[in-house]
C-alpha cells in the first residue's frame, strides 16, 4: 500500500510540474517582454516577435529572417512562431551543417560512396542496395533475373507440345 501511495504522490507532483511549465506567465507591461515582444494585456502572456520565444521573449531564435545562420545549405523558415532552418541538399541539423556523408568517409558503408559533386551531398549505392546510407538490400534485379530464368523452361514446354 505504501508503494502505491508513493507512486500516486509522485505522479501528482509530475503533473503539477508539467502544468506549471506549460502555463506562460502573464506580462505587466511591454518592458516585461524585452526588446522582442509586446504585452497585449496584463492578463495575457507576451507576444514575441522576430522568432523569439519564452515568457519574456528572450529565448534566442535559431535563425533570423535577414541572417545567414543556416549557411549555404539551408534557409530560415519564418512562417512559425519561432524561426528554424529548413535544410536542402541532404544536410540536417539545427543550422544545416551536418552532411549525410563526407568525401572519403565511411557513412555510406561498404555498399556506397559519398558523392560530394554538385549542390546535393548523398550516398551513391552499389547495385542491389538502397537507402540514404546504402544500408537496405534491394535485391530487385537479381530476383527478377532468376525468376525469368526459371520461367523459360515452363514457357518453352507449353509451346513445344
N, C-alpha and C. Protein backbone atom coordinates (compact mmCIF):
# COMPACT_ATOMS: atom_id res chain seq x y z
N UNK A 1 0.82 -1.19 0.00
CA UNK A 1 0.00 0.00 0.00
C UNK A 1 0.87 1.25 0.00
N UNK A 2 1.99 1.21 0.71
CA UNK A 2 2.89 2.36 0.80
C UNK A 2 3.46 2.69 -0.58
N UNK A 3 3.84 1.64 -1.35
CA UNK A 3 4.40 1.87 -2.68
C UNK A 3 3.38 2.51 -3.61
N UNK A 4 2.11 2.07 -3.53
CA UNK A 4 1.07 2.63 -4.37
C UNK A 4 0.85 4.10 -4.04
N UNK A 5 0.83 4.43 -2.76
CA UNK A 5 0.65 5.82 -2.31
C UNK A 5 1.79 6.70 -2.78
N UNK A 6 3.00 6.20 -2.73
CA UNK A 6 4.17 6.97 -3.18
C UNK A 6 4.11 7.19 -4.69
N UNK A 7 3.65 6.17 -5.42
CA UNK A 7 3.54 6.31 -6.87
C UNK A 7 2.50 7.37 -7.24
N UNK A 8 1.37 7.39 -6.53
CA UNK A 8 0.33 8.38 -6.79
C UNK A 8 0.86 9.77 -6.47
N UNK A 9 1.54 9.93 -5.36
CA UNK A 9 2.10 11.22 -4.97
C UNK A 9 3.12 11.70 -6.00
N UNK A 10 3.98 10.81 -6.45
CA UNK A 10 4.97 11.16 -7.47
C UNK A 10 4.30 11.58 -8.77
N UNK A 11 3.25 10.88 -9.16
CA UNK A 11 2.51 11.21 -10.37
C UNK A 11 1.87 12.59 -10.26
N UNK A 12 1.27 12.91 -9.12
CA UNK A 12 0.65 14.22 -8.91
C UNK A 12 1.70 15.32 -9.00
N UNK A 13 2.84 15.12 -8.38
CA UNK A 13 3.92 16.12 -8.42
C UNK A 13 4.39 16.34 -9.85
N UNK A 14 4.53 15.26 -10.62
CA UNK A 14 4.98 15.39 -12.01
C UNK A 14 3.95 16.14 -12.85
N UNK A 15 2.67 15.85 -12.67
CA UNK A 15 1.61 16.54 -13.42
C UNK A 15 1.59 18.02 -13.08
N UNK A 16 1.72 18.35 -11.80
CA UNK A 16 1.74 19.76 -11.40
C UNK A 16 2.96 20.49 -11.97
N UNK A 17 4.09 19.83 -12.03
CA UNK A 17 5.29 20.44 -12.61
C UNK A 17 5.09 20.72 -14.09
N UNK A 18 4.48 19.79 -14.81
CA UNK A 18 4.23 19.98 -16.24
C UNK A 18 3.24 21.12 -16.45
N UNK A 19 2.16 21.16 -15.68
CA UNK A 19 1.17 22.22 -15.82
C UNK A 19 1.81 23.58 -15.53
N UNK A 20 2.65 23.67 -14.52
CA UNK A 20 3.31 24.93 -14.17
C UNK A 20 4.22 25.40 -15.30
N UNK A 21 4.95 24.44 -15.95
CA UNK A 21 5.85 24.82 -17.03
C UNK A 21 5.10 25.19 -18.30
N UNK A 22 3.93 24.60 -18.53
CA UNK A 22 3.18 24.86 -19.76
C UNK A 22 2.53 26.24 -19.72
N UNK A 23 2.02 26.63 -18.56
CA UNK A 23 1.32 27.91 -18.44
C UNK A 23 2.33 29.05 -18.52
N UNK A 24 2.14 29.92 -19.50
CA UNK A 24 3.03 31.06 -19.65
C UNK A 24 2.64 32.13 -18.64
N UNK A 25 3.63 32.86 -18.16
CA UNK A 25 3.39 33.92 -17.21
C UNK A 25 2.76 35.12 -17.92
N UNK A 26 1.85 35.77 -17.23
CA UNK A 26 1.24 36.98 -17.78
C UNK A 26 2.20 38.15 -17.62
N UNK A 27 2.20 39.05 -18.58
CA UNK A 27 3.07 40.21 -18.53
C UNK A 27 2.36 41.37 -17.84
N UNK A 28 3.13 42.35 -17.40
CA UNK A 28 2.55 43.52 -16.75
C UNK A 28 2.62 44.76 -17.66
N UNK A 29 3.65 44.80 -18.52
CA UNK A 29 3.78 45.89 -19.48
C UNK A 29 4.75 45.48 -20.57
N UNK A 30 4.94 46.33 -21.59
CA UNK A 30 5.83 45.99 -22.70
C UNK A 30 7.27 45.76 -22.26
N UNK A 31 7.71 46.43 -21.21
CA UNK A 31 9.08 46.26 -20.72
C UNK A 31 9.33 44.84 -20.22
N UNK A 32 8.28 44.17 -19.73
CA UNK A 32 8.41 42.80 -19.24
C UNK A 32 8.66 41.81 -20.37
N UNK A 33 8.38 42.23 -21.62
CA UNK A 33 8.54 41.36 -22.78
C UNK A 33 9.86 41.60 -23.51
N UNK A 34 10.71 42.43 -22.96
CA UNK A 34 12.02 42.66 -23.57
C UNK A 34 11.94 43.40 -24.89
N UNK A 35 13.03 43.36 -25.62
CA UNK A 35 13.12 44.08 -26.89
C UNK A 35 12.44 43.36 -28.03
N UNK A 36 12.03 42.10 -27.81
CA UNK A 36 11.46 41.31 -28.90
C UNK A 36 10.03 40.85 -28.63
N UNK A 37 9.26 41.68 -27.91
CA UNK A 37 7.89 41.31 -27.64
C UNK A 37 7.08 42.48 -27.14
N UNK A 38 5.77 42.28 -27.11
CA UNK A 38 4.85 43.29 -26.60
C UNK A 38 3.88 42.63 -25.64
N UNK A 39 3.31 43.45 -24.77
CA UNK A 39 2.34 42.96 -23.79
C UNK A 39 0.95 43.41 -24.25
N UNK A 40 0.12 42.49 -24.77
CA UNK A 40 -1.19 42.89 -25.27
C UNK A 40 -2.17 43.26 -24.17
N UNK A 41 -2.00 42.66 -22.99
CA UNK A 41 -2.94 42.86 -21.89
C UNK A 41 -2.28 42.29 -20.64
N UNK A 42 -2.53 42.88 -19.50
CA UNK A 42 -1.89 42.39 -18.27
C UNK A 42 -2.40 41.03 -17.83
N UNK A 43 -3.43 40.50 -18.51
CA UNK A 43 -3.92 39.16 -18.17
C UNK A 43 -3.55 38.16 -19.26
N UNK A 44 -2.55 38.50 -20.07
CA UNK A 44 -2.13 37.62 -21.17
C UNK A 44 -0.61 37.53 -21.19
N UNK A 45 -0.07 36.48 -21.80
CA UNK A 45 1.39 36.37 -21.92
C UNK A 45 1.92 37.31 -23.00
N UNK A 46 3.23 37.48 -23.01
CA UNK A 46 3.90 38.31 -24.02
C UNK A 46 3.66 37.74 -25.42
N UNK A 47 3.58 38.63 -26.40
CA UNK A 47 3.51 38.23 -27.79
C UNK A 47 4.89 38.53 -28.37
N UNK A 48 5.63 37.46 -28.68
CA UNK A 48 7.02 37.61 -29.13
C UNK A 48 7.08 37.84 -30.64
N UNK A 49 8.13 38.53 -31.08
CA UNK A 49 8.34 38.83 -32.50
C UNK A 49 9.73 38.36 -32.92
N UNK A 50 10.01 38.41 -34.21
CA UNK A 50 11.33 38.12 -34.77
C UNK A 50 11.85 36.73 -34.43
N UNK A 51 10.96 35.77 -34.20
CA UNK A 51 11.38 34.40 -33.93
C UNK A 51 11.76 34.13 -32.49
N UNK A 52 11.63 35.11 -31.61
CA UNK A 52 11.95 34.92 -30.19
C UNK A 52 10.78 34.23 -29.50
N UNK A 53 11.06 33.60 -28.35
CA UNK A 53 10.03 32.90 -27.60
C UNK A 53 10.36 33.00 -26.12
N UNK A 54 9.53 32.38 -25.30
CA UNK A 54 9.73 32.39 -23.86
C UNK A 54 8.79 33.38 -23.19
N UNK A 55 8.67 33.28 -21.87
CA UNK A 55 7.78 34.17 -21.12
C UNK A 55 8.12 35.63 -21.31
N UNK A 56 9.42 35.94 -21.42
CA UNK A 56 9.85 37.34 -21.58
C UNK A 56 10.50 37.61 -22.93
N UNK A 57 10.27 36.73 -23.90
CA UNK A 57 10.76 36.88 -25.28
C UNK A 57 12.28 37.05 -25.36
N UNK A 58 13.01 36.30 -24.53
CA UNK A 58 14.47 36.40 -24.55
C UNK A 58 15.14 35.13 -25.06
N UNK A 59 14.36 34.07 -25.34
CA UNK A 59 14.95 32.85 -25.86
C UNK A 59 15.32 33.11 -27.32
N UNK A 60 16.62 33.03 -27.63
CA UNK A 60 17.11 33.39 -28.98
C UNK A 60 16.62 32.41 -30.03
N UNK A 61 16.22 32.91 -31.23
CA UNK A 61 15.81 32.01 -32.31
C UNK A 61 17.03 31.35 -32.94
N UNK A 62 16.78 30.25 -33.63
CA UNK A 62 17.87 29.54 -34.32
C UNK A 62 18.42 30.41 -35.44
N UNK A 63 17.54 31.12 -36.12
CA UNK A 63 17.97 31.96 -37.23
C UNK A 63 17.10 33.21 -37.29
N UNK A 64 17.54 34.17 -38.07
CA UNK A 64 16.79 35.40 -38.27
C UNK A 64 16.43 35.54 -39.74
N UNK A 65 15.39 36.29 -40.02
CA UNK A 65 14.90 36.43 -41.40
C UNK A 65 15.97 37.01 -42.33
N UNK A 66 16.79 37.89 -41.83
CA UNK A 66 17.79 38.52 -42.70
C UNK A 66 19.19 37.93 -42.52
N UNK A 67 19.34 36.97 -41.62
CA UNK A 67 20.66 36.41 -41.32
C UNK A 67 21.04 35.24 -42.20
N UNK A 68 22.26 34.76 -41.98
CA UNK A 68 22.76 33.61 -42.75
C UNK A 68 23.15 32.46 -41.82
N UNK A 69 22.43 32.33 -40.71
CA UNK A 69 22.75 31.30 -39.72
C UNK A 69 22.60 29.89 -40.27
N UNK A 70 21.80 29.70 -41.30
CA UNK A 70 21.56 28.37 -41.86
C UNK A 70 22.61 27.99 -42.90
N UNK A 71 23.57 28.85 -43.15
CA UNK A 71 24.66 28.55 -44.08
C UNK A 71 24.20 28.43 -45.51
N UNK A 72 25.03 27.81 -46.33
CA UNK A 72 24.71 27.68 -47.75
C UNK A 72 23.84 26.47 -48.05
N UNK A 73 23.47 25.70 -47.03
CA UNK A 73 22.66 24.50 -47.24
C UNK A 73 21.29 24.59 -46.58
N UNK A 74 20.83 25.82 -46.35
CA UNK A 74 19.52 25.99 -45.75
C UNK A 74 19.06 27.42 -45.79
N UNK A 75 17.81 27.60 -45.42
CA UNK A 75 17.24 28.94 -45.34
C UNK A 75 16.40 29.03 -44.08
N UNK A 76 16.21 30.25 -43.60
CA UNK A 76 15.47 30.45 -42.36
C UNK A 76 13.97 30.44 -42.64
N UNK A 77 13.25 29.54 -41.98
CA UNK A 77 11.81 29.46 -42.12
C UNK A 77 11.18 30.36 -41.06
N UNK A 78 10.57 31.44 -41.49
CA UNK A 78 9.98 32.41 -40.57
C UNK A 78 8.46 32.29 -40.49
N UNK A 79 7.91 31.19 -40.98
CA UNK A 79 6.45 31.05 -41.01
C UNK A 79 5.85 30.67 -39.66
N UNK A 80 6.64 30.11 -38.78
CA UNK A 80 6.12 29.68 -37.48
C UNK A 80 6.35 30.71 -36.40
N UNK A 81 5.95 30.37 -35.19
CA UNK A 81 6.12 31.28 -34.05
C UNK A 81 7.60 31.48 -33.73
N UNK A 82 8.38 30.39 -33.81
CA UNK A 82 9.83 30.52 -33.69
C UNK A 82 10.46 30.17 -35.03
N UNK A 83 11.56 30.79 -35.32
CA UNK A 83 12.22 30.58 -36.60
C UNK A 83 13.14 29.38 -36.53
N UNK A 84 13.25 28.65 -37.65
CA UNK A 84 14.14 27.49 -37.70
C UNK A 84 14.65 27.33 -39.12
N UNK A 85 15.77 26.61 -39.25
CA UNK A 85 16.38 26.40 -40.56
C UNK A 85 15.67 25.26 -41.29
N UNK A 86 15.43 25.46 -42.59
CA UNK A 86 14.94 24.42 -43.48
C UNK A 86 16.12 24.02 -44.35
N UNK A 87 16.58 22.78 -44.21
CA UNK A 87 17.81 22.33 -44.87
C UNK A 87 17.54 21.80 -46.28
N UNK A 88 18.55 21.88 -47.13
CA UNK A 88 18.48 21.38 -48.50
C UNK A 88 19.70 20.51 -48.79
N UNK A 89 19.67 19.82 -49.90
CA UNK A 89 20.82 19.05 -50.36
C UNK A 89 21.23 17.90 -49.47
N UNK A 90 20.31 17.36 -48.67
CA UNK A 90 20.64 16.24 -47.81
C UNK A 90 21.22 16.64 -46.46
N UNK A 91 21.45 17.92 -46.24
CA UNK A 91 22.01 18.38 -44.97
C UNK A 91 20.93 18.38 -43.88
N UNK A 92 21.35 18.22 -42.62
CA UNK A 92 20.45 18.22 -41.48
C UNK A 92 21.09 19.02 -40.35
N UNK A 93 20.39 19.09 -39.23
CA UNK A 93 20.90 19.79 -38.06
C UNK A 93 20.21 21.13 -37.88
N UNK A 94 20.34 21.71 -36.70
CA UNK A 94 19.67 22.97 -36.38
C UNK A 94 20.06 24.09 -37.34
N UNK A 95 21.33 24.10 -37.77
CA UNK A 95 21.79 25.15 -38.69
C UNK A 95 22.28 24.57 -40.02
N UNK A 96 21.79 23.39 -40.37
CA UNK A 96 22.07 22.74 -41.67
C UNK A 96 23.56 22.54 -41.94
N UNK A 97 24.29 22.12 -40.93
CA UNK A 97 25.73 21.92 -41.09
C UNK A 97 26.13 20.44 -41.12
N UNK A 98 25.18 19.54 -40.88
CA UNK A 98 25.50 18.11 -40.87
C UNK A 98 25.20 17.49 -42.22
N UNK A 99 26.26 17.11 -42.93
CA UNK A 99 26.11 16.47 -44.24
C UNK A 99 25.78 14.99 -44.03
N UNK A 100 25.02 14.38 -44.96
CA UNK A 100 24.70 12.96 -44.81
C UNK A 100 25.95 12.09 -44.90
N UNK A 101 26.95 12.57 -45.62
CA UNK A 101 28.21 11.84 -45.73
C UNK A 101 29.32 12.82 -46.08
N UNK A 102 30.56 12.38 -45.92
CA UNK A 102 31.70 13.22 -46.25
C UNK A 102 32.60 12.50 -47.23
N UNK A 103 33.28 13.25 -48.06
CA UNK A 103 34.18 12.65 -49.04
C UNK A 103 35.25 11.85 -48.31
N UNK A 104 35.38 10.59 -48.67
CA UNK A 104 36.36 9.73 -48.01
C UNK A 104 35.88 9.13 -46.71
N UNK A 105 34.66 9.51 -46.27
CA UNK A 105 34.12 8.99 -45.02
C UNK A 105 33.52 7.62 -45.18
N UNK A 106 33.13 7.02 -44.08
CA UNK A 106 32.58 5.66 -44.13
C UNK A 106 31.08 5.63 -43.86
N UNK A 107 30.42 6.79 -43.94
CA UNK A 107 28.99 6.84 -43.63
C UNK A 107 28.15 5.99 -44.58
N UNK A 108 28.58 5.83 -45.82
CA UNK A 108 27.81 5.06 -46.81
C UNK A 108 28.08 3.57 -46.71
N UNK A 109 28.86 3.15 -45.76
CA UNK A 109 29.14 1.73 -45.54
C UNK A 109 29.96 1.12 -46.66
N UNK A 110 29.88 -0.20 -46.77
CA UNK A 110 30.65 -0.91 -47.80
C UNK A 110 29.89 -1.02 -49.11
N UNK A 111 28.64 -0.50 -49.14
CA UNK A 111 27.82 -0.63 -50.34
C UNK A 111 27.52 0.72 -50.99
N UNK A 112 28.35 1.72 -50.73
CA UNK A 112 28.12 3.02 -51.34
C UNK A 112 29.31 3.94 -51.17
N UNK A 113 29.31 5.01 -51.94
CA UNK A 113 30.35 6.03 -51.83
C UNK A 113 29.67 7.38 -51.73
N UNK A 114 30.32 8.30 -51.05
CA UNK A 114 29.76 9.63 -50.86
C UNK A 114 30.01 10.47 -52.10
N UNK A 115 28.95 11.03 -52.64
CA UNK A 115 29.05 11.90 -53.81
C UNK A 115 28.91 13.34 -53.34
N UNK A 116 30.02 14.09 -53.37
CA UNK A 116 30.01 15.48 -52.94
C UNK A 116 30.04 16.44 -54.12
N UNK A 117 29.86 15.92 -55.33
CA UNK A 117 29.81 16.78 -56.51
C UNK A 117 28.47 17.50 -56.56
N UNK A 118 28.49 18.75 -56.96
CA UNK A 118 27.24 19.49 -57.10
C UNK A 118 26.73 20.04 -55.79
N UNK A 119 25.45 20.39 -55.76
CA UNK A 119 24.86 21.02 -54.58
C UNK A 119 24.27 20.03 -53.59
N UNK A 120 24.02 18.80 -54.04
CA UNK A 120 23.46 17.77 -53.17
C UNK A 120 24.53 16.77 -52.77
N UNK A 121 24.67 16.55 -51.48
CA UNK A 121 25.61 15.55 -50.97
C UNK A 121 24.80 14.31 -50.64
N UNK A 122 25.20 13.15 -51.23
CA UNK A 122 24.42 11.93 -50.99
C UNK A 122 25.29 10.71 -51.22
N UNK A 123 24.82 9.59 -50.72
CA UNK A 123 25.48 8.31 -50.95
C UNK A 123 25.01 7.74 -52.28
N UNK A 124 25.96 7.37 -53.13
CA UNK A 124 25.64 6.64 -54.36
C UNK A 124 25.82 5.16 -54.04
N UNK A 125 24.72 4.40 -54.10
CA UNK A 125 24.73 3.00 -53.69
C UNK A 125 25.16 2.08 -54.83
N UNK A 126 25.81 0.99 -54.46
CA UNK A 126 26.16 -0.04 -55.44
C UNK A 126 24.88 -0.80 -55.80
N UNK A 127 24.84 -1.44 -56.98
CA UNK A 127 23.62 -2.17 -57.38
C UNK A 127 23.22 -3.18 -56.30
N UNK A 128 21.92 -3.20 -56.03
CA UNK A 128 21.39 -4.12 -55.04
C UNK A 128 21.20 -3.49 -53.67
N UNK A 129 21.61 -2.22 -53.49
CA UNK A 129 21.47 -1.54 -52.20
C UNK A 129 20.81 -0.19 -52.40
N UNK A 130 19.99 0.21 -51.42
CA UNK A 130 19.30 1.48 -51.47
C UNK A 130 19.34 2.13 -50.09
N UNK A 131 18.72 3.30 -49.98
CA UNK A 131 18.62 4.00 -48.71
C UNK A 131 19.58 5.17 -48.65
N UNK A 132 19.34 6.03 -47.70
CA UNK A 132 20.16 7.23 -47.52
C UNK A 132 21.63 6.88 -47.32
N UNK A 133 21.89 5.82 -46.57
CA UNK A 133 23.27 5.40 -46.29
C UNK A 133 23.58 4.03 -46.90
N UNK A 134 22.83 3.62 -47.93
CA UNK A 134 23.04 2.37 -48.66
C UNK A 134 23.02 1.14 -47.75
N UNK A 135 22.15 1.14 -46.77
CA UNK A 135 22.11 0.06 -45.80
C UNK A 135 21.04 -0.99 -46.11
N UNK A 136 20.05 -0.67 -46.96
CA UNK A 136 18.99 -1.62 -47.26
C UNK A 136 19.31 -2.39 -48.53
N UNK A 137 19.19 -3.68 -48.46
CA UNK A 137 19.44 -4.51 -49.62
C UNK A 137 18.16 -4.56 -50.44
N UNK A 138 18.27 -4.17 -51.73
CA UNK A 138 17.07 -4.15 -52.57
C UNK A 138 16.84 -5.48 -53.26
N UNK A 139 17.86 -6.05 -53.86
CA UNK A 139 17.77 -7.36 -54.47
C UNK A 139 16.78 -7.47 -55.61
N UNK A 140 16.18 -6.38 -56.03
CA UNK A 140 15.15 -6.43 -57.06
C UNK A 140 15.62 -7.00 -58.38
N UNK A 141 16.74 -6.56 -58.93
CA UNK A 141 17.20 -7.02 -60.24
C UNK A 141 17.60 -8.48 -60.22
N UNK A 142 18.26 -8.91 -59.18
CA UNK A 142 18.72 -10.29 -59.10
C UNK A 142 17.54 -11.25 -59.03
N UNK A 143 16.53 -10.93 -58.22
CA UNK A 143 15.36 -11.79 -58.08
C UNK A 143 14.61 -11.86 -59.40
N UNK A 144 14.45 -10.72 -60.06
CA UNK A 144 13.74 -10.70 -61.34
C UNK A 144 14.47 -11.55 -62.37
N UNK A 145 15.79 -11.45 -62.44
CA UNK A 145 16.56 -12.22 -63.41
C UNK A 145 16.44 -13.72 -63.14
N UNK A 146 16.55 -14.12 -61.87
CA UNK A 146 16.42 -15.54 -61.53
C UNK A 146 15.02 -16.06 -61.82
N UNK A 147 13.99 -15.25 -61.58
CA UNK A 147 12.62 -15.67 -61.87
C UNK A 147 12.44 -15.88 -63.37
N UNK A 148 13.03 -14.99 -64.16
CA UNK A 148 12.93 -15.15 -65.61
C UNK A 148 13.62 -16.42 -66.08
N UNK A 149 14.77 -16.73 -65.51
CA UNK A 149 15.47 -17.96 -65.88
C UNK A 149 14.64 -19.20 -65.56
N UNK A 150 13.95 -19.17 -64.45
CA UNK A 150 13.12 -20.31 -64.06
C UNK A 150 11.87 -20.44 -64.92
N UNK A 151 11.36 -19.33 -65.44
CA UNK A 151 10.16 -19.37 -66.26
C UNK A 151 10.42 -19.83 -67.70
N UNK A 152 11.63 -19.69 -68.19
CA UNK A 152 11.93 -20.05 -69.59
C UNK A 152 11.56 -21.50 -69.89
N UNK A 153 11.99 -22.49 -69.09
CA UNK A 153 11.62 -23.89 -69.41
C UNK A 153 10.11 -24.12 -69.35
N UNK A 154 9.42 -23.44 -68.45
CA UNK A 154 7.98 -23.62 -68.34
C UNK A 154 7.28 -23.08 -69.58
N UNK A 155 7.68 -21.91 -70.02
CA UNK A 155 7.07 -21.31 -71.21
C UNK A 155 7.39 -22.14 -72.45
N UNK A 156 8.63 -22.57 -72.59
CA UNK A 156 9.03 -23.36 -73.74
C UNK A 156 8.28 -24.69 -73.79
N UNK A 157 8.07 -25.32 -72.64
CA UNK A 157 7.39 -26.61 -72.63
C UNK A 157 5.93 -26.49 -73.08
N UNK A 158 5.30 -25.38 -72.87
CA UNK A 158 3.92 -25.16 -73.30
C UNK A 158 3.84 -25.05 -74.83
N UNK A 159 4.83 -24.42 -75.43
CA UNK A 159 4.80 -24.22 -76.87
C UNK A 159 5.41 -25.40 -77.65
N UNK A 160 6.12 -26.26 -76.97
CA UNK A 160 6.76 -27.40 -77.63
C UNK A 160 5.82 -28.61 -77.70
N UNK A 161 4.68 -28.59 -77.08
CA UNK A 161 3.80 -29.74 -77.06
C UNK A 161 3.05 -29.92 -78.33
